[in-house]
Each structure stands twice: as structure tokens, then as C-alpha cells.
């Protein structure tokens, strides 16, 4: 299998499948996908700068008025079946849709869910 074929296969994975792949790669090869964070000293009287967040969790706060559309959106961004997606949506507020995502991936999921009518937050 060529590198291009591997990249095409990765492009077809859902976000949850990508997270699972990342976890398995970390476990098998003993590496981490997190970028190193450098903490700068701002001086004796200055407050320490906050570290930039690299890992995000998508949390469903409310299904809004379009529960069915939100369930469909949850199924789109996860590999959950209909029953599991319905249970996740009904568990709102504070229902975790996806964890340990890059900011870009978390924002994509947030946009899809919000377009379906849900209220979503990133933590």
C-alpha cells in the first residue's frame, strides 16, 4: 500500500475513528500527537501566560428544537448507531460527542451540530 493510498483511507475516516487511530498509534509506537508546549517567563511581577489548549472536547449542551436533525448530525460526525446517537443527544446537557480533538476538527463538528440546531461548546 502506498503512502497516497494510506492518506486516501485516512481521509475517509470519521472523527472518532481518527481519534481511535491516534490512540492506537500512540500505544503501539510510544509517541504522542501533542505538540510540546513552551512556557515563557514574563518577568518577576507579570502573571504567567496560560498554555495554549491543543486538545478539545465537543460537548452537546442542548438539542434545540430539531432533535431528529441533531441525532442525524451526531451520527454523521461519529460512528454511532441510531440508538446510541439518540441516547447521546438525550443526555444533553454535558453530553460528550468527541474528545481529544484538534481545534480545527472540534470546530468542524461544532459547526455541523449547530447547523442542525444544537447548542455546542468546546472545552
Protein backbone atom coordinates (compact mmCIF):
# COMPACT_ATOMS: atom_id res chain seq x y z
CA UNK A 1 0.00 0.00 0.00
CA UNK A 2 1.44 3.36 -0.99
CA UNK A 3 1.52 6.49 1.17
CA UNK A 4 -1.09 8.11 -1.10
CA UNK A 5 -3.42 5.12 -0.63
CA UNK A 6 -2.99 5.35 3.14
CA UNK A 7 -3.78 9.08 3.06
CA UNK A 8 -6.92 8.43 1.00
CA UNK A 9 -8.04 5.80 3.52
CA UNK A 10 -7.43 8.24 6.40
CA UNK A 11 -9.46 10.94 4.60
CA UNK A 12 -12.47 8.61 4.66
CA UNK A 13 -12.40 8.05 8.45
CA UNK A 14 -14.83 9.73 10.84
CA UNK A 15 -13.50 11.95 13.59
CA UNK A 16 -13.97 9.24 16.22
CA UNK A 17 -12.16 6.73 14.03
CA UNK A 18 -9.30 9.24 13.67
CA UNK A 19 -9.10 9.59 17.46
CA UNK A 20 -9.03 5.80 17.81
CA UNK A 21 -6.27 5.59 15.18
CA UNK A 22 -4.26 8.26 17.03
CA UNK A 23 -4.63 6.37 20.32
CA UNK A 24 -3.53 3.07 18.76
CA UNK A 25 -0.50 4.71 17.10
CA UNK A 26 0.49 6.29 20.41
CA UNK A 27 0.12 2.97 22.21
CA UNK A 28 1.96 0.88 19.63
CA UNK A 29 4.86 3.24 18.93
CA UNK A 30 5.13 5.06 22.25
CA UNK A 31 4.74 8.50 20.71
CA UNK A 32 2.42 11.39 21.41
CA UNK A 33 0.46 13.53 18.96
CA UNK A 34 0.50 16.51 21.30
CA UNK A 35 2.78 19.37 20.34
CA UNK A 36 5.26 20.40 23.03
CA UNK A 37 4.25 23.50 24.93
CA UNK A 38 6.85 26.08 25.90
CA UNK A 39 6.10 28.24 28.93
CA UNK A 40 7.67 31.68 28.78
CA UNK A 41 8.58 33.66 31.89
CA UNK A 42 7.07 37.14 31.64
CA UNK A 43 9.13 38.76 34.39
CA UNK A 44 9.06 38.93 38.17
CA UNK A 45 5.83 40.95 38.51
CA UNK A 46 3.98 39.69 35.43
CA UNK A 47 1.48 36.84 35.59
CA UNK A 48 2.39 33.56 33.93
CA UNK A 49 0.92 33.14 30.48
CA UNK A 50 -1.74 30.47 30.02
CA UNK A 51 -0.77 27.45 27.94
CA UNK A 52 -2.50 27.19 24.61
CA UNK A 53 -5.05 24.40 24.51
CA UNK A 54 -4.24 21.68 21.97
CA UNK A 55 -6.89 19.09 22.78
CA UNK A 56 -10.60 19.86 22.64
CA UNK A 57 -13.77 18.09 23.68
CA UNK A 58 -17.07 18.72 21.89
CA UNK A 59 -19.95 18.86 24.39
CA UNK A 60 -23.62 18.95 23.45
CA UNK A 61 -25.43 21.46 25.69
CA UNK A 62 -28.86 21.27 24.08
CA UNK A 63 -30.52 19.55 21.16
CA UNK A 64 -32.54 22.67 20.39
CA UNK A 65 -35.84 22.43 18.53
CA UNK A 66 -34.60 19.92 15.92
CA UNK A 67 -33.86 16.76 17.88
CA UNK A 68 -34.05 14.49 14.82
CA UNK A 69 -31.69 16.72 12.82
CA UNK A 70 -29.23 16.78 15.73
CA UNK A 71 -29.35 12.97 16.00
CA UNK A 72 -28.59 12.75 12.27
CA UNK A 73 -25.70 15.20 12.70
CA UNK A 74 -24.29 13.20 15.63
CA UNK A 75 -24.39 10.07 13.50
CA UNK A 76 -22.63 11.98 10.70
CA UNK A 77 -19.70 13.05 12.90
CA UNK A 78 -19.41 9.81 14.89
CA UNK A 79 -19.62 6.12 14.16
CA UNK A 80 -22.60 5.70 16.48
CA UNK A 81 -25.73 3.82 15.51
CA UNK A 82 -29.18 5.37 15.66
CA UNK A 83 -29.95 4.20 19.20
CA UNK A 84 -26.59 5.34 20.61
CA UNK A 85 -26.80 8.72 18.86
CA UNK A 86 -30.34 9.25 20.22
CA UNK A 87 -29.18 8.37 23.75
CA UNK A 88 -26.24 10.77 23.46
CA UNK A 89 -28.49 13.63 22.28
CA UNK A 90 -30.98 12.91 25.07
CA UNK A 91 -28.13 13.01 27.62
CA UNK A 92 -27.64 16.75 26.96
CA UNK A 93 -26.61 18.97 28.62
CA UNK A 94 -23.00 17.96 29.05
CA UNK A 95 -23.16 15.04 26.60
CA UNK A 96 -19.66 14.45 25.21
CA UNK A 97 -19.74 13.97 21.43
CA UNK A 98 -15.99 13.68 20.82
CA UNK A 99 -12.81 14.03 22.87
CA UNK A 100 -9.13 14.84 22.31
CA UNK A 101 -9.62 16.63 19.01
CA UNK A 102 -7.59 19.31 17.33
CA UNK A 103 -9.15 22.77 17.36
CA UNK A 104 -9.90 22.51 13.65
CA UNK A 105 -11.69 19.15 13.96
CA UNK A 106 -13.62 20.28 17.05
CA UNK A 107 -14.78 23.43 15.26
CA UNK A 108 -15.92 21.37 12.24
CA UNK A 109 -18.05 19.15 14.47
CA UNK A 110 -19.35 22.18 16.34
CA UNK A 111 -20.42 23.81 13.06
CA UNK A 112 -22.21 20.66 11.83
CA UNK A 113 -24.10 20.24 15.10
CA UNK A 114 -25.02 23.92 15.35
CA UNK A 115 -26.30 23.91 11.76
CA UNK A 116 -28.59 21.04 12.82
CA UNK A 117 -29.93 23.22 15.64
CA UNK A 118 -27.89 22.07 18.64
CA UNK A 119 -26.12 24.19 21.21
CA UNK A 120 -22.50 23.07 21.47
CA UNK A 121 -19.46 24.11 23.47
CA UNK A 122 -15.79 23.27 23.16
CA UNK A 123 -13.77 22.54 26.28
